[in-house]
Amino acid sequence: MNDDAPGVTIRRATPADAAAAADVWLRSFDAALPTVVRPRSDDEVRDYIRDVVVPLRETWVAETTDAGQREVAGVREIVGIMVLNGDLLSQLYLAPDRRGQGIGDRFVALAKERSPQGLQLWTFQVNKPAHRFYERHGFVAVEHTDGRGNEEREPDVRYVWRP
C-alpha cells in the first residue's frame, strides 16, 4: 500500500518490528499527550507490544522506503503503527516528525478497508488534534467518559465510523 506519503510503505508488522514500533508509540504518546500519565513504564510498553500487540492483534507499520532522508545505511525506519482488534481501531501512532504527511490518512483508509462494516475507537478528551483528525475522516463522537474505564484514568471519548 503506497499512495500518498511518498517514500512510505504500509505493511503488516512482523516480530522484528516490535521494538521500533514500541519506540514510535512511546515518542508519539509522550509528544501528543504530555499531561497524560502512562500507567506502564517504557519497558512494560515495549514488552506489551512485543508479546501481545504484534503477535495477537492485526498490527500494521508504516516504514520509510525512500533511499535518502530517513534511511541510514539502507536500514528502513518504522515511522507509524496502527492496531486493529476486530472493529476497534485500538492504536494509531506516528513518529512526531511524520505527522501531517498523509500517513495517518492512509492508516485510516486501510482500517476502513479491513473493517468495511464500521469502526470504533477511543481517544483522550485532551487530544483535540486527534478529534479533528478522526472527525475529518467521518468518525462521530458517541460517548464521553470520566476515564474510569481506562488504565490512565483520563477522560476519553469514543468515536464511531459507519459507511
C-alpha atoms as a PDB file:
ATOM      1  CA  MET A   1       0.000   0.000   0.000  1.00  0.00           C
ATOM      2  CA  ASN A   2       1.784   3.124  -1.205  1.00  0.00           C
ATOM      3  CA  ASP A   3      -0.360   6.040  -2.439  1.00  0.00           C
ATOM      4  CA  ASP A   4       0.123   9.333  -0.613  1.00  0.00           C
ATOM      5  CA  ALA A   5       3.032   9.925   1.767  1.00  0.00           C
ATOM      6  CA  PRO A   6       5.750   9.236  -0.813  1.00  0.00           C
ATOM      7  CA  GLY A   7       8.620   7.164   0.451  1.00  0.00           C
ATOM      8  CA  VAL A   8       6.455   5.340   2.992  1.00  0.00           C
ATOM      9  CA  THR A   9       5.058   1.813   2.732  1.00  0.00           C
ATOM     10  CA  ILE A  10       2.376   0.368   4.997  1.00  0.00           C
ATOM     11  CA  ARG A  11       2.649  -3.352   5.698  1.00  0.00           C
ATOM     12  CA  ARG A  12       1.786  -5.959   8.326  1.00  0.00           C
ATOM     13  CA  ALA A  13       4.108  -5.888  11.289  1.00  0.00           C
ATOM     14  CA  THR A  14       6.455  -8.773  11.973  1.00  0.00           C
ATOM     15  CA  PRO A  15       8.055  -9.725  15.296  1.00  0.00           C
ATOM     16  CA  ALA A  16      11.223  -7.982  14.114  1.00  0.00           C
ATOM     17  CA  ASP A  17       9.290  -4.673  14.027  1.00  0.00           C
ATOM     18  CA  ALA A  18       8.149  -4.764  17.657  1.00  0.00           C
ATOM     19  CA  ALA A  19      10.993  -2.749  19.213  1.00  0.00           C
ATOM     20  CA  ALA A  20      10.867   0.015  16.587  1.00  0.00           C
ATOM     21  CA  ALA A  21       7.052   0.112  16.721  1.00  0.00           C
ATOM     22  CA  ALA A  22       7.187   0.449  20.504  1.00  0.00           C
ATOM     23  CA  ASP A  23       9.666   3.308  20.213  1.00  0.00           C
ATOM     24  CA  VAL A  24       7.315   5.125  17.809  1.00  0.00           C
ATOM     25  CA  TRP A  25       4.417   4.513  20.221  1.00  0.00           C
ATOM     26  CA  LEU A  26       6.389   5.923  23.162  1.00  0.00           C
ATOM     27  CA  ARG A  27       7.651   9.010  21.310  1.00  0.00           C
ATOM     28  CA  SER A  28       4.238   9.739  19.836  1.00  0.00           C
ATOM     29  CA  PHE A  29       2.326   9.279  23.097  1.00  0.00           C
ATOM     30  CA  ASP A  30       4.736  11.475  25.033  1.00  0.00           C
ATOM     31  CA  ALA A  31       4.704  14.218  22.373  1.00  0.00           C
ATOM     32  CA  ALA A  32       0.923  14.256  21.840  1.00  0.00           C
ATOM     33  CA  LEU A  33      -0.189  13.673  25.423  1.00  0.00           C
ATOM     34  CA  PRO A  34       2.303  15.326  27.788  1.00  0.00           C
ATOM     35  CA  THR A  35      -0.313  15.748  30.527  1.00  0.00           C
ATOM     36  CA  VAL A  36      -1.479  12.112  30.472  1.00  0.00           C
ATOM     37  CA  VAL A  37       0.284   9.871  32.974  1.00  0.00           C
ATOM     38  CA  ARG A  38       1.120   6.485  31.480  1.00  0.00           C
ATOM     39  CA  PRO A  39       0.466   3.601  33.911  1.00  0.00           C
ATOM     40  CA  ARG A  40       3.182   1.476  32.272  1.00  0.00           C
ATOM     41  CA  SER A  41       6.918   2.056  32.126  1.00  0.00           C
ATOM     42  CA  ASP A  42       8.727   2.259  28.790  1.00  0.00           C
ATOM     43  CA  ASP A  43       9.933  -1.326  29.243  1.00  0.00           C
ATOM     44  CA  GLU A  44       6.406  -2.539  30.022  1.00  0.00           C
ATOM     45  CA  VAL A  45       5.109  -0.834  26.866  1.00  0.00           C
ATOM     46  CA  ARG A  46       7.875  -2.471  24.815  1.00  0.00           C
ATOM     47  CA  ASP A  47       7.085  -5.887  26.321  1.00  0.00           C
ATOM     48  CA  TYR A  48       3.352  -5.442  25.681  1.00  0.00           C
ATOM     49  CA  ILE A  49       3.873  -4.503  22.043  1.00  0.00           C
ATOM     50  CA  ARG A  50       6.333  -7.379  21.547  1.00  0.00           C
ATOM     51  CA  ASP A  51       4.360 -10.061  23.428  1.00  0.00           C
ATOM     52  CA  VAL A  52       0.724  -9.070  22.814  1.00  0.00           C
ATOM     53  CA  VAL A  53       0.189  -6.409  20.165  1.00  0.00           C
ATOM     54  CA  VAL A  54       2.336  -7.685  17.298  1.00  0.00           C
ATOM     55  CA  PRO A  55       1.646 -11.426  17.671  1.00  0.00           C
ATOM     56  CA  LEU A  56      -2.027 -11.288  18.709  1.00  0.00           C
ATOM     57  CA  ARG A  57      -3.518  -8.215  17.009  1.00  0.00           C
ATOM     58  CA  GLU A  58      -3.772  -7.072  13.414  1.00  0.00           C
ATOM     59  CA  THR A  59      -0.772  -4.770  13.560  1.00  0.00           C
ATOM     60  CA  TRP A  60       0.425  -2.591  10.696  1.00  0.00           C
ATOM     61  CA  VAL A  61       3.517  -0.417  10.419  1.00  0.00           C
ATOM     62  CA  ALA A  62       4.479   2.461   8.185  1.00  0.00           C
ATOM     63  CA  GLU A  63       8.105   2.358   7.155  1.00  0.00           C
ATOM     64  CA  THR A  64      10.284   4.598   5.065  1.00  0.00           C
ATOM     65  CA  THR A  65      11.175   3.312   1.639  1.00  0.00           C
ATOM     66  CA  ASP A  66      12.971   6.327   0.209  1.00  0.00           C
ATOM     67  CA  ALA A  67      16.707   5.902  -0.001  1.00  0.00           C
ATOM     68  CA  GLY A  68      17.717   9.174   1.464  1.00  0.00           C
ATOM     69  CA  GLN A  69      16.490  11.364   4.239  1.00  0.00           C
ATOM     70  CA  ARG A  70      15.134   8.631   6.531  1.00  0.00           C
ATOM     71  CA  GLU A  71      17.315   5.660   5.660  1.00  0.00           C
ATOM     72  CA  VAL A  72      20.661   5.223   7.304  1.00  0.00           C
ATOM     73  CA  ALA A  73      22.954   2.716   5.621  1.00  0.00           C
ATOM     74  CA  GLY A  74      19.986   1.109   3.856  1.00  0.00           C
ATOM     75  CA  VAL A  75      18.049   0.453   7.062  1.00  0.00           C
ATOM     76  CA  ARG A  76      14.376   1.341   6.805  1.00  0.00           C
ATOM     77  CA  GLU A  77      12.747   3.226   9.651  1.00  0.00           C
ATOM     78  CA  ILE A  78       9.379   2.443  11.232  1.00  0.00           C
ATOM     79  CA  VAL A  79       7.501   5.764  11.445  1.00  0.00           C
ATOM     80  CA  GLY A  80       3.985   4.636  12.394  1.00  0.00           C
ATOM     81  CA  ILE A  81       1.922   1.863  13.937  1.00  0.00           C
ATOM     82  CA  MET A  82      -1.765   1.002  13.641  1.00  0.00           C
ATOM     83  CA  VAL A  83      -3.501  -1.812  15.507  1.00  0.00           C
ATOM     84  CA  LEU A  84      -6.908  -3.266  14.723  1.00  0.00           C
ATOM     85  CA  ASN A  85      -8.778  -5.610  17.045  1.00  0.00           C
ATOM     86  CA  GLY A  86     -11.958  -6.566  15.208  1.00  0.00           C
ATOM     87  CA  ASP A  87     -13.874  -3.336  14.590  1.00  0.00           C
ATOM     88  CA  LEU A  88     -11.772  -1.474  17.173  1.00  0.00           C
ATOM     89  CA  LEU A  89      -9.033   0.788  15.863  1.00  0.00           C
ATOM     90  CA  SER A  90      -7.120   0.409  19.101  1.00  0.00           C
ATOM     91  CA  GLN A  91      -3.850   2.179  18.274  1.00  0.00           C
ATOM     92  CA  LEU A  92      -2.691   4.731  15.712  1.00  0.00           C
ATOM     93  CA  TYR A  93       0.593   6.429  16.495  1.00  0.00           C
ATOM     94  CA  LEU A  94       3.034   8.268  14.230  1.00  0.00           C
ATOM     95  CA  ALA A  95       6.555   9.480  14.796  1.00  0.00           C
ATOM     96  CA  PRO A  96       6.089  13.122  15.849  1.00  0.00           C
ATOM     97  CA  ASP A  97       8.115  14.441  12.893  1.00  0.00           C
ATOM     98  CA  ARG A  98       5.940  12.445  10.465  1.00  0.00           C
ATOM     99  CA  ARG A  99       2.559  13.918  11.395  1.00  0.00           C
ATOM    100  CA  GLY A 100       0.748  15.837   8.679  1.00  0.00           C
ATOM    101  CA  GLN A 101       2.343  13.861   5.839  1.00  0.00           C
ATOM    102  CA  GLY A 102      -0.617  11.643   4.907  1.00  0.00           C
ATOM    103  CA  ILE A 103       0.474   8.524   6.798  1.00  0.00           C
ATOM    104  CA  GLY A 104      -2.388   8.683   9.282  1.00  0.00           C
ATOM    105  CA  ASP A 105      -4.832   9.201   6.397  1.00  0.00           C
ATOM    106  CA  ARG A 106      -3.514   6.035   4.763  1.00  0.00           C
ATOM    107  CA  PHE A 107      -3.792   4.089   8.017  1.00  0.00           C
ATOM    108  CA  VAL A 108      -7.442   5.148   8.436  1.00  0.00           C
ATOM    109  CA  ALA A 109      -8.229   4.246   4.809  1.00  0.00           C
ATOM    110  CA  LEU A 110      -6.699   0.821   5.416  1.00  0.00           C
ATOM    111  CA  ALA A 111      -8.676   0.369   8.639  1.00  0.00           C
ATOM    112  CA  LYS A 112     -11.896   1.184   6.757  1.00  0.00           C
ATOM    113  CA  GLU A 113     -10.973  -1.371   4.069  1.00  0.00           C
ATOM    114  CA  ARG A 114     -10.282  -4.018   6.709  1.00  0.00           C
ATOM    115  CA  SER A 115     -13.498  -3.256   8.618  1.00  0.00           C
ATOM    116  CA  PRO A 116     -15.990  -2.088   5.964  1.00  0.00           C
ATOM    117  CA  GLN A 117     -18.982  -2.559   8.284  1.00  0.00           C
ATOM    118  CA  GLY A 118     -17.655   0.167  10.585  1.00  0.00           C
ATOM    119  CA  LEU A 119     -15.048   1.076  13.157  1.00  0.00           C
ATOM    120  CA  GLN A 120     -14.855   2.460  16.641  1.00  0.00           C
ATOM    121  CA  LEU A 121     -12.007   3.933  18.642  1.00  0.00           C
ATOM    122  CA  TRP A 122     -11.244   5.725  21.876  1.00  0.00           C
ATOM    123  CA  THR A 123      -9.127   8.822  22.279  1.00  0.00           C
ATOM    124  CA  PHE A 124      -8.464  11.055  25.250  1.00  0.00           C
ATOM    125  CA  GLN A 125     -10.579  14.180  25.595  1.00  0.00           C
ATOM    126  CA  VAL A 126      -7.434  16.325  25.859  1.00  0.00           C
ATOM    127  CA  ASN A 127      -6.230  15.117  22.450  1.00  0.00           C
ATOM    128  CA  LYS A 128      -8.013  17.743  20.349  1.00  0.00           C
ATOM    129  CA  PRO A 129      -5.814  17.201  17.260  1.00  0.00           C
ATOM    130  CA  ALA A 130      -6.909  13.533  17.231  1.00  0.00           C
ATOM    131  CA  HIS A 131     -10.561  14.595  17.490  1.00  0.00           C
ATOM    132  CA  ARG A 132     -10.170  16.852  14.439  1.00  0.00           C
ATOM    133  CA  PHE A 133      -8.313  14.118  12.539  1.00  0.00           C
ATOM    134  CA  TYR A 134     -10.930  11.418  13.138  1.00  0.00           C
ATOM    135  CA  GLU A 135     -13.851  13.777  12.539  1.00  0.00           C
ATOM    136  CA  ARG A 136     -12.285  14.730   9.197  1.00  0.00           C
ATOM    137  CA  HIS A 137     -12.400  11.017   8.356  1.00  0.00           C
ATOM    138  CA  GLY A 138     -16.103  10.720   9.138  1.00  0.00           C
ATOM    139  CA  PHE A 139     -15.932   9.492  12.732  1.00  0.00           C
ATOM    140  CA  VAL A 140     -18.595  10.788  15.122  1.00  0.00           C
ATOM    141  CA  ALA A 141     -18.201  11.158  18.901  1.00  0.00           C
ATOM    142  CA  VAL A 142     -20.831   8.948  20.544  1.00  0.00           C
ATOM    143  CA  GLU A 143     -19.701   8.674  24.167  1.00  0.00           C
ATOM    144  CA  HIS A 144     -17.678  10.721  26.655  1.00  0.00           C
ATOM    145  CA  THR A 145     -16.431   9.195  29.904  1.00  0.00           C
ATOM    146  CA  ASP A 146     -14.659  10.347  33.031  1.00  0.00           C
ATOM    147  CA  GLY A 147     -11.798   7.904  32.397  1.00  0.00           C
ATOM    148  CA  ARG A 148     -12.722   5.271  34.956  1.00  0.00           C
ATOM    149  CA  GLY A 149     -12.684   2.648  32.199  1.00  0.00           C
ATOM    150  CA  ASN A 150      -9.101   3.161  31.017  1.00  0.00           C
ATOM    151  CA  GLU A 151      -5.717   2.462  32.581  1.00  0.00           C
ATOM    152  CA  GLU A 152      -4.701   6.104  32.572  1.00  0.00           C
ATOM    153  CA  ARG A 153      -7.868   7.231  34.385  1.00  0.00           C
ATOM    154  CA  GLU A 154      -8.040  10.028  31.814  1.00  0.00           C
ATOM    155  CA  PRO A 155     -11.393  11.286  30.454  1.00  0.00           C
ATOM    156  CA  ASP A 156     -11.913   9.880  26.989  1.00  0.00           C
ATOM    157  CA  VAL A 157     -14.286   9.874  24.053  1.00  0.00           C
ATOM    158  CA  ARG A 158     -15.471   7.012  21.859  1.00  0.00           C
ATOM    159  CA  TYR A 159     -15.736   7.657  18.137  1.00  0.00           C
ATOM    160  CA  VAL A 160     -17.644   5.552  15.613  1.00  0.00           C
ATOM    161  CA  TRP A 161     -17.448   5.422  11.829  1.00  0.00           C
ATOM    162  CA  ARG A 162     -20.195   3.800   9.776  1.00  0.00           C
ATOM    163  CA  PRO A 163     -20.119   3.596   5.965  1.00  0.00           C
END
